[in-house]
Amino acid sequence: MGFRERWTKEFTKMLTDDERKAFSLWLEFSQGKISESDFQSKMDLSIMPKMLGKMSAARMNALEDEVDRLRKRVASLEDGASKKR
């Protein structure tokens, strides 16, 4: 599972039902599955600011987790390479 998929899965867990529906709609729009006019007509604009704030925080957390995961992997690879010498 790639970074985007892991992030999306973790992010949707922290959303309310209304926020989850808004996020799903936003994903459809960002992937070009629905038009901008459809997106605007279906989107509840009162939910967007809160969802975007959560999205930003979740993205930062996910990036920090990914950096930690990569650091551990590099350390493991370096350890393996030093043992082979």
Foldseek 3Di string as FASTA:
>chain_A
DDLVVVLVVVLLVPDDPLLNVLVVLVVCVVVVVDDPVVNVVPHDVVNVVVSVVSSVVSVVVSVVVVVVVVVVVVVVVVVVVVVVD
